């Protein structure tokens, strides 16, 4: 019987794949955009402090 499916080898391969996916995700433009570091402003940095709603939407009385 072959030793190709030993537990420590399987866990090692899965951890290596997880690390590669995590590195790819952290260096992606989508992640940078969602964190506010992209070339466009995200909703988190566009919030209006004087708005009524917590999401930054204008008050119903000020809508046109």
N, C-alpha and C. Protein backbone atom coordinates (compact mmCIF):
# COMPACT_ATOMS: atom_id res chain seq x y z
N UNK A 1 0.84 -1.18 0.00
CA UNK A 1 0.00 0.00 0.00
C UNK A 1 0.89 1.24 0.00
N UNK A 2 0.50 2.22 -0.76
CA UNK A 2 1.29 3.44 -0.89
C UNK A 2 0.99 4.41 0.25
N UNK A 3 1.95 5.28 0.52
CA UNK A 3 1.79 6.25 1.60
C UNK A 3 1.45 7.63 1.05
N UNK A 4 0.77 7.69 -0.08
CA UNK A 4 0.46 8.96 -0.72
C UNK A 4 -0.59 9.77 0.05
N UNK A 5 -1.44 9.09 0.79
CA UNK A 5 -2.52 9.78 1.48
C UNK A 5 -2.30 9.83 2.99
N UNK A 6 -1.12 10.17 3.41
CA UNK A 6 -0.88 10.32 4.84
C UNK A 6 -1.49 11.63 5.31
N UNK A 7 -1.94 11.63 6.54
CA UNK A 7 -2.66 12.77 7.07
C UNK A 7 -1.83 14.05 7.04
N UNK A 8 -0.58 14.00 7.45
CA UNK A 8 0.22 15.22 7.50
C UNK A 8 0.50 15.77 6.11
N UNK A 9 0.61 14.91 5.11
CA UNK A 9 0.80 15.39 3.73
C UNK A 9 -0.48 16.06 3.23
N UNK A 10 -1.61 15.47 3.49
CA UNK A 10 -2.88 16.03 3.05
C UNK A 10 -3.14 17.39 3.71
N UNK A 11 -2.89 17.48 5.00
CA UNK A 11 -3.07 18.75 5.71
C UNK A 11 -2.09 19.80 5.17
N UNK A 12 -0.87 19.40 4.89
CA UNK A 12 0.12 20.31 4.35
C UNK A 12 -0.28 20.87 2.99
N UNK A 13 -0.79 20.00 2.12
CA UNK A 13 -1.23 20.45 0.80
C UNK A 13 -2.42 21.38 0.92
N UNK A 14 -3.37 21.05 1.77
CA UNK A 14 -4.54 21.91 1.95
C UNK A 14 -4.15 23.27 2.53
N UNK A 15 -3.23 23.29 3.47
CA UNK A 15 -2.76 24.57 4.02
C UNK A 15 -2.03 25.39 2.96
N UNK A 16 -1.24 24.74 2.12
CA UNK A 16 -0.54 25.46 1.06
C UNK A 16 -1.53 26.08 0.07
N UNK A 17 -2.58 25.35 -0.27
CA UNK A 17 -3.61 25.89 -1.16
C UNK A 17 -4.33 27.06 -0.50
N UNK A 18 -4.64 26.93 0.77
CA UNK A 18 -5.29 28.01 1.51
C UNK A 18 -4.43 29.26 1.54
N UNK A 19 -3.14 29.10 1.78
CA UNK A 19 -2.22 30.25 1.81
C UNK A 19 -2.16 30.91 0.44
N UNK A 20 -2.12 30.12 -0.63
CA UNK A 20 -2.08 30.71 -1.98
C UNK A 20 -3.36 31.48 -2.29
N UNK A 21 -4.51 30.93 -1.89
CA UNK A 21 -5.77 31.63 -2.11
C UNK A 21 -5.81 32.92 -1.30
N UNK A 22 -5.35 32.88 -0.06
CA UNK A 22 -5.35 34.07 0.79
C UNK A 22 -4.43 35.15 0.24
N UNK A 23 -3.25 34.77 -0.24
CA UNK A 23 -2.33 35.74 -0.82
C UNK A 23 -2.94 36.37 -2.07
N UNK A 24 -3.56 35.55 -2.91
CA UNK A 24 -4.21 36.07 -4.11
C UNK A 24 -5.33 37.03 -3.75
N UNK A 25 -6.11 36.69 -2.75
CA UNK A 25 -7.23 37.55 -2.34
C UNK A 25 -6.73 38.88 -1.79
N UNK A 26 -5.70 38.85 -0.96
CA UNK A 26 -5.22 40.08 -0.35
C UNK A 26 -4.55 41.01 -1.36
N UNK A 27 -4.08 40.48 -2.48
CA UNK A 27 -3.45 41.31 -3.50
C UNK A 27 -4.39 41.66 -4.64
N UNK A 28 -5.65 41.31 -4.53
CA UNK A 28 -6.60 41.56 -5.62
C UNK A 28 -7.08 43.01 -5.59
N UNK A 29 -7.41 43.57 -6.76
CA UNK A 29 -7.96 44.93 -6.81
C UNK A 29 -9.30 45.04 -6.11
N UNK A 30 -10.09 43.96 -6.13
CA UNK A 30 -11.39 44.00 -5.46
C UNK A 30 -11.22 44.18 -3.96
N UNK A 31 -10.28 43.48 -3.36
CA UNK A 31 -10.03 43.61 -1.93
C UNK A 31 -9.56 45.03 -1.61
N UNK A 32 -8.67 45.58 -2.42
CA UNK A 32 -8.19 46.95 -2.20
C UNK A 32 -9.33 47.94 -2.32
N UNK A 33 -10.20 47.74 -3.29
CA UNK A 33 -11.35 48.64 -3.45
C UNK A 33 -12.28 48.56 -2.25
N UNK A 34 -12.56 47.35 -1.78
CA UNK A 34 -13.45 47.18 -0.63
C UNK A 34 -12.87 47.74 0.66
N UNK A 35 -11.56 47.79 0.75
CA UNK A 35 -10.92 48.36 1.93
C UNK A 35 -10.71 49.86 1.81
N UNK A 36 -11.14 50.46 0.68
CA UNK A 36 -11.01 51.89 0.50
C UNK A 36 -9.66 52.30 -0.05
N UNK A 37 -8.84 51.37 -0.51
CA UNK A 37 -7.53 51.69 -1.04
C UNK A 37 -7.47 51.61 -2.56
N UNK A 38 -8.60 51.47 -3.20
CA UNK A 38 -8.63 51.38 -4.66
C UNK A 38 -8.58 52.76 -5.29
N UNK A 39 -8.70 52.78 -6.60
CA UNK A 39 -8.66 54.06 -7.31
C UNK A 39 -9.98 54.82 -7.21
N UNK A 40 -11.04 54.13 -6.87
CA UNK A 40 -12.34 54.77 -6.71
C UNK A 40 -12.72 54.78 -5.24
N UNK A 41 -13.49 55.77 -4.87
CA UNK A 41 -13.91 55.86 -3.48
C UNK A 41 -15.02 54.86 -3.22
N UNK A 42 -14.94 54.19 -2.10
CA UNK A 42 -15.98 53.24 -1.72
C UNK A 42 -17.05 53.94 -0.90
N UNK A 43 -18.10 53.23 -0.63
CA UNK A 43 -19.21 53.79 0.15
C UNK A 43 -18.77 54.16 1.57
N UNK A 44 -17.76 53.47 2.08
CA UNK A 44 -17.32 53.75 3.45
C UNK A 44 -16.70 55.14 3.57
N UNK A 45 -16.04 55.62 2.52
CA UNK A 45 -15.41 56.94 2.61
C UNK A 45 -16.31 58.04 2.07
N UNK A 46 -17.46 57.69 1.50
CA UNK A 46 -18.37 58.69 0.95
C UNK A 46 -19.52 59.02 1.90
N UNK A 47 -19.52 58.47 3.08
CA UNK A 47 -20.63 58.71 4.02
C UNK A 47 -20.68 60.17 4.41
N UNK A 48 -21.88 60.68 4.49
CA UNK A 48 -22.12 62.06 4.89
C UNK A 48 -22.44 62.09 6.37
N UNK A 49 -21.65 62.82 7.12
CA UNK A 49 -21.85 62.86 8.58
C UNK A 49 -23.16 63.54 8.96
N UNK A 50 -23.69 64.40 8.09
CA UNK A 50 -24.92 65.12 8.42
C UNK A 50 -26.17 64.38 7.93
N UNK A 51 -26.02 63.20 7.36
CA UNK A 51 -27.16 62.46 6.82
C UNK A 51 -27.99 61.86 7.95
N UNK A 52 -29.25 61.61 7.65
CA UNK A 52 -30.16 61.03 8.64
C UNK A 52 -29.93 59.53 8.81
N UNK A 53 -29.74 58.85 7.69
CA UNK A 53 -29.61 57.40 7.72
C UNK A 53 -28.16 57.01 8.02
N UNK A 54 -27.95 55.89 8.70
CA UNK A 54 -26.58 55.46 8.99
C UNK A 54 -25.77 55.12 7.74
N UNK A 55 -26.44 54.83 6.63
CA UNK A 55 -25.72 54.48 5.41
C UNK A 55 -25.27 55.72 4.65
N UNK A 56 -25.70 56.91 5.08
CA UNK A 56 -25.30 58.14 4.41
C UNK A 56 -26.34 58.68 3.46
N UNK A 57 -27.52 58.06 3.42
CA UNK A 57 -28.57 58.53 2.53
C UNK A 57 -29.12 59.86 3.04
N UNK A 58 -29.57 60.72 2.12
CA UNK A 58 -30.10 62.01 2.55
C UNK A 58 -31.45 61.88 3.24
N UNK A 59 -31.81 62.87 4.01
CA UNK A 59 -33.11 62.87 4.69
C UNK A 59 -34.23 62.97 3.66
N UNK A 60 -35.40 62.40 3.93
CA UNK A 60 -36.50 62.49 2.99
C UNK A 60 -36.90 63.94 2.68
N UNK A 61 -36.74 64.84 3.61
CA UNK A 61 -37.12 66.24 3.37
C UNK A 61 -36.17 66.96 2.43
N UNK A 62 -34.95 66.44 2.26
CA UNK A 62 -33.98 67.12 1.39
C UNK A 62 -33.90 66.49 0.00
N UNK A 63 -34.64 65.41 -0.23
CA UNK A 63 -34.63 64.78 -1.55
C UNK A 63 -35.41 65.62 -2.55
N UNK A 64 -35.00 65.55 -3.79
CA UNK A 64 -35.73 66.31 -4.83
C UNK A 64 -36.67 65.41 -5.58
